N, C-alpha and C. Protein backbone atom coordinates (compact mmCIF):
# COMPACT_ATOMS: atom_id res chain seq x y z
N UNK A 1 120.04 169.82 106.73
CA UNK A 1 121.16 169.23 106.13
C UNK A 1 122.22 168.90 107.18
N UNK A 2 122.24 169.67 108.05
CA UNK A 2 123.13 169.40 109.14
C UNK A 2 122.81 168.06 109.76
N UNK A 3 121.61 167.78 109.89
CA UNK A 3 121.18 166.54 110.51
C UNK A 3 121.55 165.38 109.60
N UNK A 4 121.31 165.57 108.32
CA UNK A 4 121.64 164.50 107.40
C UNK A 4 123.12 164.22 107.44
N UNK A 5 123.86 165.31 107.49
CA UNK A 5 125.30 165.16 107.55
C UNK A 5 125.72 164.41 108.82
N UNK A 6 125.13 164.71 109.90
CA UNK A 6 125.45 164.05 111.17
C UNK A 6 125.05 162.58 111.11
N UNK A 7 123.94 162.31 110.52
CA UNK A 7 123.49 160.93 110.42
C UNK A 7 124.44 160.16 109.53
N UNK A 8 124.84 160.78 108.45
CA UNK A 8 125.77 160.12 107.56
C UNK A 8 127.10 159.85 108.23
N UNK A 9 127.59 160.81 108.92
CA UNK A 9 128.86 160.64 109.63
C UNK A 9 128.69 159.53 110.67
N UNK A 10 127.55 159.50 111.36
CA UNK A 10 127.29 158.47 112.39
C UNK A 10 127.25 157.07 111.78
N UNK A 11 126.55 156.98 110.60
CA UNK A 11 126.46 155.68 109.94
C UNK A 11 127.81 155.24 109.41
N UNK A 12 128.50 156.20 108.87
CA UNK A 12 129.83 155.87 108.35
C UNK A 12 130.76 155.38 109.46
N UNK A 13 130.74 156.06 110.55
CA UNK A 13 131.61 155.64 111.66
C UNK A 13 131.14 154.29 112.22
N UNK A 14 129.82 154.07 112.24
CA UNK A 14 129.31 152.78 112.71
C UNK A 14 129.76 151.66 111.78
N UNK A 15 129.66 151.94 110.46
CA UNK A 15 130.08 150.92 109.51
C UNK A 15 131.58 150.70 109.62
N UNK A 16 132.32 151.75 109.81
CA UNK A 16 133.78 151.63 109.90
C UNK A 16 134.16 150.79 111.13
N UNK A 17 133.46 150.98 112.20
CA UNK A 17 133.80 150.19 113.40
C UNK A 17 133.37 148.74 113.25
N UNK A 18 132.23 148.52 112.62
CA UNK A 18 131.77 147.15 112.46
C UNK A 18 132.52 146.43 111.35
N UNK A 19 132.91 147.15 110.35
CA UNK A 19 133.56 146.54 109.22
C UNK A 19 135.01 146.20 109.52
N UNK A 20 135.54 146.73 110.54
CA UNK A 20 136.95 146.46 110.85
C UNK A 20 137.11 145.05 111.39
N UNK A 21 138.15 144.45 110.94
CA UNK A 21 138.49 143.13 111.48
C UNK A 21 139.20 143.35 112.79
N UNK A 22 138.96 142.42 113.71
CA UNK A 22 139.67 142.53 114.98
C UNK A 22 141.06 141.99 114.76
N UNK A 23 141.98 142.81 114.97
CA UNK A 23 143.37 142.42 114.75
C UNK A 23 143.91 141.89 116.09
N UNK A 24 144.38 140.71 116.01
CA UNK A 24 144.97 140.12 117.21
C UNK A 24 146.43 140.51 117.21
N UNK A 25 146.81 141.00 118.31
CA UNK A 25 148.18 141.47 118.45
C UNK A 25 149.10 140.25 118.49
N UNK A 26 150.04 140.16 117.57
CA UNK A 26 150.93 139.00 117.49
C UNK A 26 151.83 138.91 118.71
N UNK A 27 152.20 140.01 119.27
CA UNK A 27 153.04 140.02 120.47
C UNK A 27 152.27 139.42 121.63
N UNK A 28 150.99 139.81 121.71
CA UNK A 28 150.16 139.29 122.79
C UNK A 28 149.97 137.78 122.64
N UNK A 29 149.77 137.32 121.41
CA UNK A 29 149.59 135.90 121.14
C UNK A 29 150.86 135.14 121.52
N UNK A 30 151.99 135.71 121.13
CA UNK A 30 153.25 135.05 121.47
C UNK A 30 153.44 134.98 122.97
N UNK A 31 153.05 136.06 123.64
CA UNK A 31 153.19 136.06 125.10
C UNK A 31 152.27 135.01 125.73
N UNK A 32 151.05 134.90 125.23
CA UNK A 32 150.12 133.91 125.76
C UNK A 32 150.64 132.50 125.48
N UNK A 33 151.15 132.31 124.25
CA UNK A 33 151.72 131.01 123.90
C UNK A 33 152.88 130.67 124.81
N UNK A 34 153.74 131.65 125.02
CA UNK A 34 154.90 131.45 125.87
C UNK A 34 154.46 131.16 127.30
N UNK A 35 153.43 131.88 127.74
CA UNK A 35 152.91 131.66 129.09
C UNK A 35 152.35 130.25 129.23
N UNK A 36 151.62 129.80 128.21
CA UNK A 36 151.08 128.44 128.22
C UNK A 36 152.21 127.40 128.22
N UNK A 37 153.21 127.66 127.39
CA UNK A 37 154.36 126.74 127.34
C UNK A 37 155.09 126.71 128.68
N UNK A 38 155.23 127.89 129.29
CA UNK A 38 155.90 127.94 130.60
C UNK A 38 155.09 127.18 131.65
N UNK A 39 153.77 127.37 131.60
CA UNK A 39 152.91 126.65 132.55
C UNK A 39 153.01 125.15 132.32
N UNK A 40 153.02 124.76 131.06
CA UNK A 40 153.12 123.34 130.71
C UNK A 40 154.47 122.79 131.18
N UNK A 41 155.54 123.55 130.93
CA UNK A 41 156.88 123.13 131.35
C UNK A 41 156.96 123.04 132.87
N UNK A 42 156.33 124.00 133.55
CA UNK A 42 156.32 124.00 135.02
C UNK A 42 155.58 122.77 135.56
N UNK A 43 154.44 122.45 134.92
CA UNK A 43 153.68 121.25 135.33
C UNK A 43 154.53 119.99 135.13
N UNK A 44 155.20 119.91 133.98
CA UNK A 44 156.05 118.74 133.70
C UNK A 44 157.21 118.66 134.70
N UNK A 45 157.80 119.82 135.01
CA UNK A 45 158.89 119.85 135.98
C UNK A 45 158.40 119.39 137.36
N UNK A 46 157.23 119.86 137.75
CA UNK A 46 156.65 119.45 139.05
C UNK A 46 156.38 117.95 139.06
N UNK A 47 155.82 117.44 137.95
CA UNK A 47 155.57 116.00 137.84
C UNK A 47 156.88 115.22 137.95
N UNK A 48 157.91 115.71 137.25
CA UNK A 48 159.21 115.03 137.28
C UNK A 48 159.79 115.05 138.69
N UNK A 49 159.67 116.20 139.38
CA UNK A 49 160.17 116.30 140.75
C UNK A 49 159.41 115.36 141.68
N UNK A 50 158.09 115.29 141.52
CA UNK A 50 157.27 114.38 142.34
C UNK A 50 157.67 112.94 142.09
N UNK A 51 157.91 112.63 140.82
CA UNK A 51 158.33 111.26 140.47
C UNK A 51 159.67 110.94 141.12
N UNK A 52 160.61 111.89 141.05
CA UNK A 52 161.93 111.69 141.67
C UNK A 52 161.78 111.53 143.18
N UNK A 53 160.93 112.35 143.81
CA UNK A 53 160.72 112.26 145.26
C UNK A 53 160.13 110.90 145.62
N UNK A 54 159.14 110.45 144.82
CA UNK A 54 158.54 109.13 145.07
C UNK A 54 159.59 108.03 144.94
N UNK A 55 160.43 108.11 143.93
CA UNK A 55 161.49 107.11 143.74
C UNK A 55 162.47 107.13 144.91
N UNK A 56 162.80 108.36 145.37
CA UNK A 56 163.71 108.47 146.52
C UNK A 56 163.07 107.89 147.77
N UNK A 57 161.78 108.16 147.97
CA UNK A 57 161.08 107.60 149.12
C UNK A 57 161.03 106.08 149.04
N UNK A 58 160.79 105.58 147.85
CA UNK A 58 160.75 104.12 147.65
C UNK A 58 162.12 103.52 147.94
N UNK A 59 163.17 104.17 147.45
CA UNK A 59 164.53 103.69 147.69
C UNK A 59 164.85 103.75 149.17
N UNK A 60 164.43 104.80 149.85
CA UNK A 60 164.66 104.94 151.30
C UNK A 60 163.94 103.83 152.06
N UNK A 61 162.69 103.55 151.67
CA UNK A 61 161.95 102.45 152.32
C UNK A 61 162.66 101.12 152.12
N UNK A 62 163.13 100.89 150.91
CA UNK A 62 163.85 99.64 150.63
C UNK A 62 165.14 99.56 151.45
N UNK A 63 165.83 100.70 151.58
CA UNK A 63 167.06 100.74 152.37
C UNK A 63 166.75 100.47 153.85
N UNK A 64 165.67 101.07 154.36
CA UNK A 64 165.27 100.84 155.75
C UNK A 64 164.90 99.37 155.97
N UNK A 65 164.21 98.80 155.00
CA UNK A 65 163.83 97.39 155.10
C UNK A 65 165.07 96.51 155.10
N UNK A 66 166.02 96.84 154.23
CA UNK A 66 167.27 96.08 154.17
C UNK A 66 168.03 96.20 155.49
N UNK A 67 168.04 97.40 156.08
CA UNK A 67 168.71 97.59 157.38
C UNK A 67 168.03 96.76 158.46
N UNK A 68 166.70 96.77 158.46
CA UNK A 68 165.97 95.97 159.46
C UNK A 68 166.26 94.49 159.27
N UNK A 69 166.25 94.04 158.02
CA UNK A 69 166.55 92.63 157.74
C UNK A 69 167.96 92.27 158.20
N UNK A 70 168.91 93.16 157.94
CA UNK A 70 170.30 92.91 158.34
C UNK A 70 170.41 92.88 159.86
N UNK A 71 169.72 93.78 160.53
CA UNK A 71 169.74 93.82 162.00
C UNK A 71 169.12 92.55 162.57
N UNK A 72 168.03 92.12 161.96
CA UNK A 72 167.36 90.90 162.40
C UNK A 72 168.27 89.69 162.22
N UNK A 73 168.93 89.63 161.07
CA UNK A 73 169.85 88.52 160.80
C UNK A 73 171.01 88.56 161.79
N UNK A 74 171.50 89.74 162.10
CA UNK A 74 172.59 89.89 163.07
C UNK A 74 172.16 89.38 164.44
N UNK A 75 170.96 89.76 164.87
CA UNK A 75 170.46 89.32 166.17
C UNK A 75 170.29 87.80 166.20
N UNK A 76 169.78 87.25 165.11
CA UNK A 76 169.61 85.79 165.04
C UNK A 76 170.96 85.09 165.10
N UNK A 77 171.95 85.66 164.42
CA UNK A 77 173.29 85.06 164.45
C UNK A 77 173.88 85.14 165.86
N UNK A 78 173.70 86.26 166.53
CA UNK A 78 174.19 86.40 167.90
C UNK A 78 173.49 85.41 168.82
N UNK A 79 172.20 85.27 168.63
CA UNK A 79 171.42 84.34 169.44
C UNK A 79 171.91 82.90 169.22
N UNK A 80 172.14 82.55 167.96
CA UNK A 80 172.63 81.20 167.64
C UNK A 80 174.02 80.99 168.24
N UNK A 81 174.86 82.02 168.18
CA UNK A 81 176.21 81.91 168.74
C UNK A 81 176.14 81.73 170.25
N UNK A 82 175.28 82.48 170.92
CA UNK A 82 175.13 82.34 172.37
C UNK A 82 174.63 80.94 172.72
N UNK A 83 173.70 80.45 171.93
CA UNK A 83 173.16 79.11 172.17
C UNK A 83 174.26 78.07 172.01
N UNK A 84 175.07 78.23 170.96
CA UNK A 84 176.17 77.28 170.73
C UNK A 84 177.19 77.36 171.87
N UNK A 85 177.50 78.58 172.32
CA UNK A 85 178.44 78.73 173.43
C UNK A 85 177.89 78.09 174.70
N UNK A 86 176.59 78.26 174.92
CA UNK A 86 175.95 77.66 176.10
C UNK A 86 176.01 76.14 176.03
N UNK A 87 175.72 75.59 174.85
CA UNK A 87 175.78 74.14 174.69
C UNK A 87 177.20 73.63 174.89
N UNK A 88 178.17 74.36 174.37
CA UNK A 88 179.58 73.98 174.55
C UNK A 88 179.95 74.00 176.02
N UNK A 89 179.51 75.03 176.71
CA UNK A 89 179.79 75.15 178.13
C UNK A 89 179.18 73.98 178.90
N UNK A 90 177.94 73.64 178.54
CA UNK A 90 177.27 72.52 179.20
C UNK A 90 178.01 71.21 178.91
N UNK A 91 178.46 71.04 177.68
CA UNK A 91 179.20 69.82 177.34
C UNK A 91 180.51 69.75 178.12
N UNK A 92 181.20 70.90 178.19
CA UNK A 92 182.45 70.92 178.95
C UNK A 92 182.20 70.65 180.43
N UNK A 93 181.10 71.19 180.95
CA UNK A 93 180.75 70.96 182.35
C UNK A 93 180.45 69.48 182.59
N UNK A 94 179.73 68.86 181.65
CA UNK A 94 179.40 67.44 181.77
C UNK A 94 180.67 66.59 181.75
N UNK A 95 181.61 66.94 180.87
CA UNK A 95 182.88 66.20 180.80
C UNK A 95 183.64 66.36 182.11
N UNK A 96 183.65 67.60 182.64
CA UNK A 96 184.35 67.84 183.91
C UNK A 96 183.70 67.06 185.05
N UNK A 97 182.38 66.99 185.04
CA UNK A 97 181.68 66.24 186.08
C UNK A 97 182.00 64.74 185.98
N UNK A 98 182.05 64.24 184.75
CA UNK A 98 182.40 62.80 184.59
C UNK A 98 183.81 62.54 185.06
N UNK A 99 184.74 63.45 184.73
CA UNK A 99 186.13 63.28 185.17
C UNK A 99 186.21 63.32 186.69
N UNK A 100 185.46 64.23 187.29
CA UNK A 100 185.46 64.34 188.75
C UNK A 100 184.89 63.08 189.37
N UNK A 101 183.81 62.56 188.77
CA UNK A 101 183.20 61.33 189.28
C UNK A 101 184.18 60.16 189.17
N UNK A 102 184.91 60.09 188.05
CA UNK A 102 185.90 59.02 187.89
C UNK A 102 187.01 59.16 188.92
N UNK A 103 187.45 60.40 189.16
CA UNK A 103 188.48 60.63 190.18
C UNK A 103 187.98 60.24 191.57
N UNK A 104 186.71 60.55 191.84
CA UNK A 104 186.13 60.18 193.14
C UNK A 104 186.10 58.66 193.31
N UNK A 105 185.80 57.97 192.22
CA UNK A 105 185.80 56.49 192.28
C UNK A 105 187.21 55.97 192.57
N UNK A 106 188.18 56.54 191.86
CA UNK A 106 189.57 56.12 192.08
C UNK A 106 190.01 56.40 193.52
N UNK A 107 189.63 57.57 194.04
CA UNK A 107 189.99 57.91 195.42
C UNK A 107 189.34 56.94 196.39
N UNK A 108 188.06 56.63 196.15
CA UNK A 108 187.35 55.71 197.04
C UNK A 108 187.99 54.33 197.01
N UNK A 109 188.37 53.87 195.82
CA UNK A 109 189.03 52.56 195.70
C UNK A 109 190.37 52.59 196.44
N UNK A 110 191.09 53.67 196.28
CA UNK A 110 192.38 53.80 196.95
C UNK A 110 192.20 53.78 198.47
N UNK A 111 191.21 54.51 198.97
CA UNK A 111 190.95 54.52 200.41
C UNK A 111 190.57 53.13 200.91
N UNK A 112 189.74 52.44 200.10
CA UNK A 112 189.35 51.07 200.50
C UNK A 112 190.58 50.18 200.58
N UNK A 113 191.46 50.26 199.58
CA UNK A 113 192.68 49.44 199.59
C UNK A 113 193.54 49.76 200.80
N UNK A 114 193.74 51.05 201.06
CA UNK A 114 194.55 51.44 202.23
C UNK A 114 193.92 50.96 203.52
N UNK A 115 192.59 51.07 203.61
CA UNK A 115 191.90 50.62 204.81
C UNK A 115 192.03 49.11 204.98
N UNK A 116 191.94 48.36 203.87
CA UNK A 116 192.09 46.90 203.95
C UNK A 116 193.49 46.53 204.44
N UNK A 117 194.48 47.23 203.92
CA UNK A 117 195.86 46.95 204.33
C UNK A 117 196.03 47.22 205.82
N UNK A 118 195.51 48.39 206.25
CA UNK A 118 195.61 48.71 207.67
C UNK A 118 194.86 47.69 208.52
N UNK A 119 193.68 47.28 208.08
CA UNK A 119 192.88 46.29 208.82
C UNK A 119 193.62 44.96 208.91
N UNK A 120 194.20 44.54 207.80
CA UNK A 120 194.96 43.27 207.80
C UNK A 120 196.15 43.36 208.74
N UNK A 121 196.85 44.49 208.69
CA UNK A 121 198.00 44.68 209.59
C UNK A 121 197.58 44.59 211.05
N UNK A 122 196.48 45.31 211.35
CA UNK A 122 196.01 45.32 212.74
C UNK A 122 195.55 43.94 213.17
N UNK A 123 194.87 43.22 212.27
CA UNK A 123 194.42 41.86 212.62
C UNK A 123 195.62 40.96 212.87
N UNK A 124 196.64 41.06 212.02
CA UNK A 124 197.84 40.23 212.19
C UNK A 124 198.54 40.57 213.50
N UNK A 125 198.65 41.87 213.78
CA UNK A 125 199.29 42.31 215.01
C UNK A 125 198.52 41.81 216.23
N UNK A 126 197.19 41.92 216.16
CA UNK A 126 196.34 41.45 217.25
C UNK A 126 196.50 39.96 217.47
N UNK A 127 196.45 39.19 216.39
CA UNK A 127 196.61 37.74 216.49
C UNK A 127 197.98 37.37 217.05
N UNK A 128 198.98 38.08 216.59
CA UNK A 128 200.35 37.82 217.04
C UNK A 128 200.48 38.08 218.54
N UNK A 129 199.93 39.22 218.98
CA UNK A 129 199.97 39.54 220.42
C UNK A 129 199.13 38.57 221.22
N UNK A 130 198.01 38.13 220.69
CA UNK A 130 197.14 37.19 221.40
C UNK A 130 197.79 35.83 221.51
N UNK A 131 198.47 35.38 220.44
CA UNK A 131 199.14 34.09 220.47
C UNK A 131 200.28 34.09 221.49
N UNK A 132 200.96 35.23 221.57
CA UNK A 132 202.06 35.32 222.51
C UNK A 132 201.54 35.50 223.93
N UNK A 133 200.26 35.86 224.06
CA UNK A 133 199.66 36.03 225.38
C UNK A 133 200.06 37.34 226.04
N UNK A 134 200.40 38.31 225.29
CA UNK A 134 200.83 39.58 225.85
C UNK A 134 199.67 40.56 226.01
N UNK A 135 198.42 40.17 225.74
CA UNK A 135 197.28 41.07 225.81
C UNK A 135 196.52 40.92 227.13
N UNK A 136 196.26 42.02 227.73
CA UNK A 136 195.38 42.00 228.90
C UNK A 136 193.97 42.07 228.37
N UNK A 137 192.97 41.75 229.19
CA UNK A 137 191.60 41.82 228.70
C UNK A 137 191.24 43.24 228.21
N UNK A 138 191.77 44.28 228.85
CA UNK A 138 191.49 45.65 228.40
C UNK A 138 192.15 45.93 227.06
N UNK A 139 193.39 45.47 226.89
CA UNK A 139 194.08 45.67 225.60
C UNK A 139 193.37 44.92 224.49
N UNK A 140 192.94 43.69 224.81
CA UNK A 140 192.25 42.90 223.80
C UNK A 140 190.96 43.61 223.36
N UNK A 141 190.25 44.19 224.34
CA UNK A 141 189.02 44.92 224.05
C UNK A 141 189.33 46.14 223.17
N UNK A 142 190.42 46.86 223.48
CA UNK A 142 190.82 48.02 222.68
C UNK A 142 191.16 47.62 221.24
N UNK A 143 191.88 46.48 221.10
CA UNK A 143 192.24 46.00 219.77
C UNK A 143 191.00 45.61 218.98
N UNK A 144 190.06 44.93 219.64
CA UNK A 144 188.83 44.51 218.94
C UNK A 144 188.02 45.74 218.51
N UNK A 145 187.95 46.76 219.37
CA UNK A 145 187.26 48.01 219.01
C UNK A 145 187.92 48.68 217.81
N UNK A 146 189.26 48.70 217.85
CA UNK A 146 190.02 49.30 216.75
C UNK A 146 189.73 48.58 215.43
N UNK A 147 189.75 47.25 215.49
CA UNK A 147 189.48 46.43 214.29
C UNK A 147 188.04 46.64 213.83
N UNK A 148 187.11 46.68 214.78
CA UNK A 148 185.71 46.88 214.44
C UNK A 148 185.50 48.26 213.78
N UNK A 149 186.15 49.29 214.30
CA UNK A 149 186.06 50.63 213.70
C UNK A 149 186.58 50.63 212.27
N UNK A 150 187.67 49.92 212.06
CA UNK A 150 188.23 49.86 210.70
C UNK A 150 187.31 49.08 209.76
N UNK A 151 186.65 48.04 210.28
CA UNK A 151 185.70 47.30 209.44
C UNK A 151 184.50 48.19 209.09
N UNK A 152 184.03 48.95 210.09
CA UNK A 152 182.94 49.90 209.82
C UNK A 152 183.36 50.95 208.80
N UNK A 153 184.60 51.42 208.96
CA UNK A 153 185.13 52.40 208.02
C UNK A 153 185.17 51.80 206.60
N UNK A 154 185.54 50.51 206.51
CA UNK A 154 185.58 49.83 205.21
C UNK A 154 184.18 49.79 204.59
N UNK A 155 183.17 49.53 205.41
CA UNK A 155 181.79 49.51 204.90
C UNK A 155 181.36 50.91 204.42
N UNK A 156 181.72 51.93 205.19
CA UNK A 156 181.39 53.30 204.79
C UNK A 156 182.08 53.66 203.46
N UNK A 157 183.34 53.26 203.36
CA UNK A 157 184.07 53.54 202.13
C UNK A 157 183.46 52.79 200.95
N UNK A 158 182.98 51.58 201.21
CA UNK A 158 182.32 50.82 200.14
C UNK A 158 181.03 51.53 199.70
N UNK A 159 180.28 52.07 200.66
CA UNK A 159 179.07 52.83 200.31
C UNK A 159 179.43 54.08 199.50
N UNK A 160 180.50 54.76 199.91
CA UNK A 160 180.95 55.93 199.16
C UNK A 160 181.32 55.56 197.72
N UNK A 161 181.98 54.42 197.56
CA UNK A 161 182.35 53.94 196.23
C UNK A 161 181.11 53.68 195.39
N UNK A 162 180.11 53.04 195.98
CA UNK A 162 178.87 52.75 195.24
C UNK A 162 178.15 54.04 194.85
N UNK A 163 178.15 55.03 195.77
CA UNK A 163 177.53 56.32 195.45
C UNK A 163 178.25 56.99 194.27
N UNK A 164 179.57 56.96 194.33
CA UNK A 164 180.36 57.57 193.25
C UNK A 164 180.10 56.86 191.92
N UNK A 165 180.02 55.53 191.96
CA UNK A 165 179.74 54.76 190.72
C UNK A 165 178.35 55.09 190.19
N UNK A 166 177.37 55.19 191.10
CA UNK A 166 175.99 55.56 190.66
C UNK A 166 175.96 56.94 190.04
N UNK A 167 176.70 57.86 190.65
CA UNK A 167 176.75 59.22 190.11
C UNK A 167 177.36 59.23 188.71
N UNK A 168 178.43 58.43 188.52
CA UNK A 168 179.06 58.34 187.20
C UNK A 168 178.09 57.74 186.19
N UNK A 169 177.33 56.73 186.59
CA UNK A 169 176.34 56.12 185.68
C UNK A 169 175.28 57.15 185.26
N UNK A 170 174.86 57.97 186.22
CA UNK A 170 173.85 58.99 185.89
C UNK A 170 174.41 60.00 184.89
N UNK A 171 175.68 60.34 185.03
CA UNK A 171 176.29 61.33 184.15
C UNK A 171 176.52 60.78 182.75
N UNK A 172 176.68 59.50 182.64
CA UNK A 172 176.92 58.90 181.31
C UNK A 172 175.65 58.45 180.71
């Protein structure tokens, strides 16, 4: 009987353990739910942070591109300004060269006129002295040399005038 009693107690305890429903602890379920929600919230927060970082990186790239574009435009503007200044300088130099060439022509003409006047004076003086017979053969030779030098000088001045005129034509 002892054995029967033990078997009965064993069967009863077996049935009691099998017949029991597994009770899920509500606190544990809530904790798991909360843990899942926290993990989900953490994932969403990480995604949001990554999105913000990507947007910031994109904005930074756009800002860098805008800075490069502005720098490039600035360099182009400086280059254009230098080119314009260079062209202005060249134009001013060309004007100055033309003015100088015109002044050289005027100077050459003035020298030619002065030389002609001096030559005419010397010729008149020579003729006057020759008519009066006051010239010795040596004096006459000196006067002719003097007149010849002035005529040569007139030819040189004429060549200088032509050179100056040619230079002015080249500049215009």
